[in-house]
PDB file of all heavy atoms in Angstrom:
ATOM      1  N   LEU A   1     -38.138  93.147 -69.899  1.00  0.00           N
ATOM      2  CA  LEU A   1     -37.045  92.601 -70.698  1.00  0.00           C
ATOM      3  C   LEU A   1     -37.359  92.559 -72.185  1.00  0.00           C
ATOM      4  O   LEU A   1     -36.464  92.612 -73.010  1.00  0.00           O
ATOM      5  CB  LEU A   1     -36.712  91.188 -70.212  1.00  0.00           C
ATOM      6  CG  LEU A   1     -36.169  91.107 -68.802  1.00  0.00           C
ATOM      7  CD1 LEU A   1     -35.990  89.653 -68.407  1.00  0.00           C
ATOM      8  CD2 LEU A   1     -34.857  91.850 -68.701  1.00  0.00           C
ATOM      9  N   MET A   2     -38.604  92.457 -72.549  1.00  0.00           N
ATOM     10  CA  MET A   2     -38.987  92.309 -73.951  1.00  0.00           C
ATOM     11  C   MET A   2     -39.511  93.605 -74.565  1.00  0.00           C
ATOM     12  O   MET A   2     -40.167  93.588 -75.578  1.00  0.00           O
ATOM     13  CB  MET A   2     -40.060  91.224 -74.084  1.00  0.00           C
ATOM     14  CG  MET A   2     -39.589  89.861 -73.602  1.00  0.00           C
ATOM     15  SD  MET A   2     -38.190  89.245 -74.533  1.00  0.00           S
ATOM     16  CE  MET A   2     -38.988  88.864 -76.061  1.00  0.00           C
ATOM     17  N   ALA A   3     -39.273  94.718 -73.953  1.00  0.00           N
ATOM     18  CA  ALA A   3     -39.785  95.987 -74.478  1.00  0.00           C
ATOM     19  C   ALA A   3     -39.061  96.336 -75.768  1.00  0.00           C
ATOM     20  O   ALA A   3     -37.852  96.193 -75.877  1.00  0.00           O
ATOM     21  CB  ALA A   3     -39.579  97.097 -73.460  1.00  0.00           C
ATOM     22  N   SER A   4     -39.822  96.795 -76.744  1.00  0.00           N
ATOM     23  CA  SER A   4     -39.213  97.140 -78.031  1.00  0.00           C
ATOM     24  C   SER A   4     -38.931  98.627 -78.155  1.00  0.00           C
ATOM     25  O   SER A   4     -38.155  99.030 -78.995  1.00  0.00           O
ATOM     26  CB  SER A   4     -40.108  96.680 -79.187  1.00  0.00           C
ATOM     27  OG  SER A   4     -41.350  97.337 -79.127  1.00  0.00           O
ATOM     28  N   THR A   5     -39.560  99.457 -77.348  1.00  0.00           N
ATOM     29  CA  THR A   5     -39.302 100.895 -77.387  1.00  0.00           C
ATOM     30  C   THR A   5     -39.212 101.421 -75.962  1.00  0.00           C
ATOM     31  O   THR A   5     -39.635 100.767 -75.009  1.00  0.00           O
ATOM     32  CB  THR A   5     -40.426 101.655 -78.127  1.00  0.00           C
ATOM     33  OG1 THR A   5     -41.633 101.510 -77.374  1.00  0.00           O
ATOM     34  CG2 THR A   5     -40.610 101.163 -79.540  1.00  0.00           C
ATOM     35  N   ARG A   6     -38.712 102.653 -75.841  1.00  0.00           N
ATOM     36  CA  ARG A   6     -38.642 103.284 -74.526  1.00  0.00           C
ATOM     37  C   ARG A   6     -40.038 103.512 -73.966  1.00  0.00           C
ATOM     38  O   ARG A   6     -40.240 103.484 -72.773  1.00  0.00           O
ATOM     39  CB  ARG A   6     -37.910 104.630 -74.622  1.00  0.00           C
ATOM     40  CG  ARG A   6     -36.437 104.490 -74.753  1.00  0.00           C
ATOM     41  CD  ARG A   6     -35.725 105.828 -74.600  1.00  0.00           C
ATOM     42  NE  ARG A   6     -36.313 106.761 -73.681  1.00  0.00           N
ATOM     43  CZ  ARG A   6     -36.232 106.705 -72.352  1.00  0.00           C
ATOM     44  NH1 ARG A   6     -35.601 105.721 -71.782  1.00  0.00           N
ATOM     45  NH2 ARG A   6     -36.776 107.624 -71.599  1.00  0.00           N
ATOM     46  N   ARG A   7     -41.020 103.724 -74.829  1.00  0.00           N
ATOM     47  CA  ARG A   7     -42.379 103.976 -74.380  1.00  0.00           C
ATOM     48  C   ARG A   7     -42.920 102.780 -73.602  1.00  0.00           C
ATOM     49  O   ARG A   7     -43.629 102.927 -72.623  1.00  0.00           O
ATOM     50  CB  ARG A   7     -43.288 104.280 -75.569  1.00  0.00           C
ATOM     51  CG  ARG A   7     -44.687 104.673 -75.157  1.00  0.00           C
ATOM     52  CD  ARG A   7     -45.554 104.902 -76.374  1.00  0.00           C
ATOM     53  NE  ARG A   7     -46.831 105.452 -76.091  1.00  0.00           N
ATOM     54  CZ  ARG A   7     -47.770 104.903 -75.344  1.00  0.00           C
ATOM     55  NH1 ARG A   7     -47.561 103.776 -74.744  1.00  0.00           N
ATOM     56  NH2 ARG A   7     -48.923 105.495 -75.165  1.00  0.00           N
ATOM     57  N   GLU A   8     -42.588 101.572 -74.032  1.00  0.00           N
ATOM     58  CA  GLU A   8     -43.069 100.377 -73.359  1.00  0.00           C
ATOM     59  C   GLU A   8     -42.340 100.139 -72.037  1.00  0.00           C
ATOM     60  O   GLU A   8     -42.863  99.467 -71.162  1.00  0.00           O
ATOM     61  CB  GLU A   8     -42.892  99.164 -74.265  1.00  0.00           C
ATOM     62  CG  GLU A   8     -43.759  99.205 -75.496  1.00  0.00           C
ATOM     63  CD  GLU A   8     -43.459  98.060 -76.438  1.00  0.00           C
ATOM     64  OE1 GLU A   8     -42.716  97.146 -76.041  1.00  0.00           O
ATOM     65  OE2 GLU A   8     -43.946  98.096 -77.568  1.00  0.00           O
ATOM     66  N   VAL A   9     -41.169 100.691 -71.894  1.00  0.00           N
ATOM     67  CA  VAL A   9     -40.382 100.454 -70.696  1.00  0.00           C
ATOM     68  C   VAL A   9     -40.917 101.250 -69.512  1.00  0.00           C
ATOM     69  O   VAL A   9     -41.151 100.717 -68.449  1.00  0.00           O
ATOM     70  CB  VAL A   9     -38.898 100.810 -70.953  1.00  0.00           C
ATOM     71  CG1 VAL A   9     -38.102 100.721 -69.674  1.00  0.00           C
ATOM     72  CG2 VAL A   9     -38.319  99.893 -71.993  1.00  0.00           C
ATOM     73  N   ASP A  10     -41.114 102.528 -69.688  1.00  0.00           N
ATOM     74  CA  ASP A  10     -41.485 103.375 -68.560  1.00  0.00           C
ATOM     75  C   ASP A  10     -42.423 104.473 -69.018  1.00  0.00           C
ATOM     76  O   ASP A  10     -41.988 105.493 -69.531  1.00  0.00           O
ATOM     77  CB  ASP A  10     -40.226 103.982 -67.942  1.00  0.00           C
ATOM     78  CG  ASP A  10     -40.530 104.878 -66.756  1.00  0.00           C
ATOM     79  OD1 ASP A  10     -41.515 104.604 -66.054  1.00  0.00           O
ATOM     80  OD2 ASP A  10     -39.780 105.848 -66.540  1.00  0.00           O
ATOM     81  N   VAL A  11     -43.709 104.240 -68.863  1.00  0.00           N
ATOM     82  CA  VAL A  11     -44.701 105.261 -69.186  1.00  0.00           C
ATOM     83  C   VAL A  11     -45.228 105.798 -67.865  1.00  0.00           C
ATOM     84  O   VAL A  11     -45.907 105.081 -67.131  1.00  0.00           O
ATOM     85  CB  VAL A  11     -45.855 104.690 -70.036  1.00  0.00           C
ATOM     86  CG1 VAL A  11     -46.887 105.754 -70.291  1.00  0.00           C
ATOM     87  CG2 VAL A  11     -45.314 104.131 -71.330  1.00  0.00           C
ATOM     88  N   PRO A  12     -44.886 107.035 -67.528  1.00  0.00           N
ATOM     89  CA  PRO A  12     -45.333 107.568 -66.246  1.00  0.00           C
ATOM     90  C   PRO A  12     -46.827 107.853 -66.254  1.00  0.00           C
ATOM     91  O   PRO A  12     -47.425 108.114 -67.284  1.00  0.00           O
ATOM     92  CB  PRO A  12     -44.534 108.871 -66.112  1.00  0.00           C
ATOM     93  CG  PRO A  12     -44.238 109.267 -67.503  1.00  0.00           C
ATOM     94  CD  PRO A  12     -44.106 107.997 -68.287  1.00  0.00           C
ATOM     95  N   SER A  13     -47.414 107.788 -65.076  1.00  0.00           N
ATOM     96  CA  SER A  13     -48.819 108.160 -64.947  1.00  0.00           C
ATOM     97  C   SER A  13     -48.911 109.308 -63.951  1.00  0.00           C
ATOM     98  O   SER A  13     -48.092 109.427 -63.039  1.00  0.00           O
ATOM     99  CB  SER A  13     -49.663 106.968 -64.507  1.00  0.00           C
ATOM    100  OG  SER A  13     -49.301 106.569 -63.210  1.00  0.00           O
ATOM    101  N   TYR A  14     -49.896 110.128 -64.164  1.00  0.00           N
ATOM    102  CA  TYR A  14     -50.086 111.312 -63.340  1.00  0.00           C
ATOM    103  C   TYR A  14     -51.493 111.288 -62.774  1.00  0.00           C
ATOM    104  O   TYR A  14     -52.408 110.759 -63.404  1.00  0.00           O
ATOM    105  CB  TYR A  14     -49.904 112.583 -64.183  1.00  0.00           C
ATOM    106  CG  TYR A  14     -48.532 112.694 -64.779  1.00  0.00           C
ATOM    107  CD1 TYR A  14     -48.272 112.232 -66.060  1.00  0.00           C
ATOM    108  CD2 TYR A  14     -47.485 113.233 -64.057  1.00  0.00           C
ATOM    109  CE1 TYR A  14     -47.009 112.311 -66.600  1.00  0.00           C
ATOM    110  CE2 TYR A  14     -46.223 113.321 -64.594  1.00  0.00           C
ATOM    111  CZ  TYR A  14     -45.991 112.861 -65.869  1.00  0.00           C
ATOM    112  OH  TYR A  14     -44.741 112.932 -66.394  1.00  0.00           O
ATOM    113  N   PRO A  15     -51.674 111.896 -61.618  1.00  0.00           N
ATOM    114  CA  PRO A  15     -53.039 112.010 -61.094  1.00  0.00           C
ATOM    115  C   PRO A  15     -53.885 112.861 -62.046  1.00  0.00           C
ATOM    116  O   PRO A  15     -53.384 113.805 -62.669  1.00  0.00           O
ATOM    117  CB  PRO A  15     -52.863 112.709 -59.748  1.00  0.00           C
ATOM    118  CG  PRO A  15     -51.409 112.799 -59.493  1.00  0.00           C
ATOM    119  CD  PRO A  15     -50.677 112.460 -60.735  1.00  0.00           C
ATOM    120  N   LEU A  16     -55.153 112.536 -62.164  1.00  0.00           N
ATOM    121  CA  LEU A  16     -56.047 113.248 -63.072  1.00  0.00           C
ATOM    122  C   LEU A  16     -56.115 114.734 -62.741  1.00  0.00           C
ATOM    123  O   LEU A  16     -56.147 115.576 -63.643  1.00  0.00           O
ATOM    124  CB  LEU A  16     -57.451 112.624 -63.037  1.00  0.00           C
ATOM    125  CG  LEU A  16     -58.482 113.253 -63.948  1.00  0.00           C
ATOM    126  CD1 LEU A  16     -58.042 113.137 -65.412  1.00  0.00           C
ATOM    127  CD2 LEU A  16     -59.836 112.623 -63.741  1.00  0.00           C
ATOM    128  N   TRP A  17     -56.099 115.061 -61.459  1.00  0.00           N
ATOM    129  CA  TRP A  17     -56.184 116.463 -61.074  1.00  0.00           C
ATOM    130  C   TRP A  17     -55.003 117.259 -61.621  1.00  0.00           C
ATOM    131  O   TRP A  17     -55.154 118.424 -61.987  1.00  0.00           O
ATOM    132  CB  TRP A  17     -56.292 116.621 -59.559  1.00  0.00           C
ATOM    133  CG  TRP A  17     -55.066 116.183 -58.802  1.00  0.00           C
ATOM    134  CD1 TRP A  17     -54.835 114.963 -58.255  1.00  0.00           C
ATOM    135  CD2 TRP A  17     -53.905 116.970 -58.519  1.00  0.00           C
ATOM    136  NE1 TRP A  17     -53.596 114.924 -57.665  1.00  0.00           N
ATOM    137  CE2 TRP A  17     -53.005 116.156 -57.809  1.00  0.00           C
ATOM    138  CE3 TRP A  17     -53.534 118.275 -58.796  1.00  0.00           C
ATOM    139  CZ2 TRP A  17     -51.767 116.603 -57.372  1.00  0.00           C
ATOM    140  CZ3 TRP A  17     -52.291 118.729 -58.361  1.00  0.00           C
ATOM    141  CH2 TRP A  17     -51.433 117.895 -57.648  1.00  0.00           C
ATOM    142  N   LEU A  18     -53.824 116.636 -61.702  1.00  0.00           N
ATOM    143  CA  LEU A  18     -52.646 117.335 -62.211  1.00  0.00           C
ATOM    144  C   LEU A  18     -52.782 117.624 -63.705  1.00  0.00           C
ATOM    145  O   LEU A  18     -52.390 118.686 -64.177  1.00  0.00           O
ATOM    146  CB  LEU A  18     -51.381 116.521 -61.954  1.00  0.00           C
ATOM    147  CG  LEU A  18     -50.070 117.180 -62.396  1.00  0.00           C
ATOM    148  CD1 LEU A  18     -49.799 118.425 -61.566  1.00  0.00           C
ATOM    149  CD2 LEU A  18     -48.925 116.209 -62.290  1.00  0.00           C
ATOM    150  N   LEU A  19     -53.346 116.693 -64.446  1.00  0.00           N
ATOM    151  CA  LEU A  19     -53.536 116.882 -65.878  1.00  0.00           C
ATOM    152  C   LEU A  19     -54.540 117.992 -66.184  1.00  0.00           C
ATOM    153  O   LEU A  19     -54.516 118.573 -67.264  1.00  0.00           O
ATOM    154  CB  LEU A  19     -53.994 115.580 -66.530  1.00  0.00           C
ATOM    155  CG  LEU A  19     -52.997 114.443 -66.477  1.00  0.00           C
ATOM    156  CD1 LEU A  19     -53.614 113.168 -67.020  1.00  0.00           C
ATOM    157  CD2 LEU A  19     -51.735 114.798 -67.227  1.00  0.00           C
ATOM    158  N   ILE A  20     -55.413 118.279 -65.237  1.00  0.00           N
ATOM    159  CA  ILE A  20     -56.390 119.356 -65.412  1.00  0.00           C
ATOM    160  C   ILE A  20     -55.852 120.668 -64.849  1.00  0.00           C
ATOM    161  O   ILE A  20     -55.938 121.718 -65.491  1.00  0.00           O
ATOM    162  CB  ILE A  20     -57.725 118.978 -64.739  1.00  0.00           C
ATOM    163  CG1 ILE A  20     -58.328 117.761 -65.451  1.00  0.00           C
ATOM    164  CG2 ILE A  20     -58.691 120.152 -64.745  1.00  0.00           C
ATOM    165  CD1 ILE A  20     -59.486 117.135 -64.725  1.00  0.00           C
ATOM    166  N   VAL A  21     -55.277 120.602 -63.656  1.00  0.00           N
ATOM    167  CA  VAL A  21     -54.835 121.822 -62.971  1.00  0.00           C
ATOM    168  C   VAL A  21     -53.600 122.440 -63.628  1.00  0.00           C
ATOM    169  O   VAL A  21     -53.526 123.669 -63.772  1.00  0.00           O
ATOM    170  CB  VAL A  21     -54.568 121.531 -61.471  1.00  0.00           C
ATOM    171  CG1 VAL A  21     -53.865 122.683 -60.787  1.00  0.00           C
ATOM    172  CG2 VAL A  21     -55.867 121.216 -60.763  1.00  0.00           C
ATOM    173  N   ALA A  22     -52.625 121.638 -64.036  1.00  0.00           N
ATOM    174  CA  ALA A  22     -51.367 122.184 -64.570  1.00  0.00           C
ATOM    175  C   ALA A  22     -51.581 123.071 -65.795  1.00  0.00           C
ATOM    176  O   ALA A  22     -51.064 124.196 -65.832  1.00  0.00           O
ATOM    177  CB  ALA A  22     -50.378 121.065 -64.874  1.00  0.00           C
ATOM    178  N   PRO A  23     -52.335 122.641 -66.812  1.00  0.00           N
ATOM    179  CA  PRO A  23     -52.538 123.528 -67.964  1.00  0.00           C
ATOM    180  C   PRO A  23     -53.304 124.800 -67.617  1.00  0.00           C
ATOM    181  O   PRO A  23     -52.942 125.897 -68.055  1.00  0.00           O
ATOM    182  CB  PRO A  23     -53.330 122.687 -68.963  1.00  0.00           C
ATOM    183  CG  PRO A  23     -53.176 121.294 -68.532  1.00  0.00           C
ATOM    184  CD  PRO A  23     -52.893 121.316 -67.068  1.00  0.00           C
ATOM    185  N   PHE A  24     -54.368 124.658 -66.809  1.00  0.00           N
ATOM    186  CA  PHE A  24     -55.155 125.842 -66.462  1.00  0.00           C
ATOM    187  C   PHE A  24     -54.376 126.788 -65.549  1.00  0.00           C
ATOM    188  O   PHE A  24     -54.504 128.004 -65.661  1.00  0.00           O
ATOM    189  CB  PHE A  24     -56.488 125.438 -65.835  1.00  0.00           C
ATOM    190  CG  PHE A  24     -57.482 124.958 -66.847  1.00  0.00           C
ATOM    191  CD1 PHE A  24     -57.798 123.617 -66.932  1.00  0.00           C
ATOM    192  CD2 PHE A  24     -58.080 125.840 -67.731  1.00  0.00           C
ATOM    193  CE1 PHE A  24     -58.703 123.161 -67.869  1.00  0.00           C
ATOM    194  CE2 PHE A  24     -58.983 125.402 -68.679  1.00  0.00           C
ATOM    195  CZ  PHE A  24     -59.297 124.054 -68.756  1.00  0.00           C
ATOM    196  N   ALA A  25     -53.564 126.237 -64.656  1.00  0.00           N
ATOM    197  CA  ALA A  25     -52.723 127.092 -63.812  1.00  0.00           C
ATOM    198  C   ALA A  25     -51.683 127.820 -64.656  1.00  0.00           C
ATOM    199  O   ALA A  25     -51.436 129.016 -64.449  1.00  0.00           O
ATOM    200  CB  ALA A  25     -52.036 126.254 -62.734  1.00  0.00           C
ATOM    201  N   ALA A  26     -51.096 127.120 -65.621  1.00  0.00           N
ATOM    202  CA  ALA A  26     -50.110 127.765 -66.504  1.00  0.00           C
ATOM    203  C   ALA A  26     -50.757 128.870 -67.326  1.00  0.00           C
ATOM    204  O   ALA A  26     -50.199 129.972 -67.455  1.00  0.00           O
ATOM    205  CB  ALA A  26     -49.475 126.725 -67.430  1.00  0.00           C
ATOM    206  N   LEU A  27     -51.930 128.599 -67.882  1.00  0.00           N
ATOM    207  CA  LEU A  27     -52.634 129.618 -68.671  1.00  0.00           C
ATOM    208  C   LEU A  27     -53.040 130.806 -67.802  1.00  0.00           C
ATOM    209  O   LEU A  27     -52.886 131.966 -68.202  1.00  0.00           O
ATOM    210  CB  LEU A  27     -53.869 129.009 -69.332  1.00  0.00           C
ATOM    211  CG  LEU A  27     -53.603 128.059 -70.477  1.00  0.00           C
ATOM    212  CD1 LEU A  27     -54.850 127.232 -70.782  1.00  0.00           C
ATOM    213  CD2 LEU A  27     -53.166 128.821 -71.703  1.00  0.00           C
TER     214      LEU A  27
END
């Protein structure tokens, strides 16, 4: 209720493996 920006409202989190695999798979 007291969030001042959209960033504070909903910041998604991702599994660490996805943050590593997605860029290398794309490249």
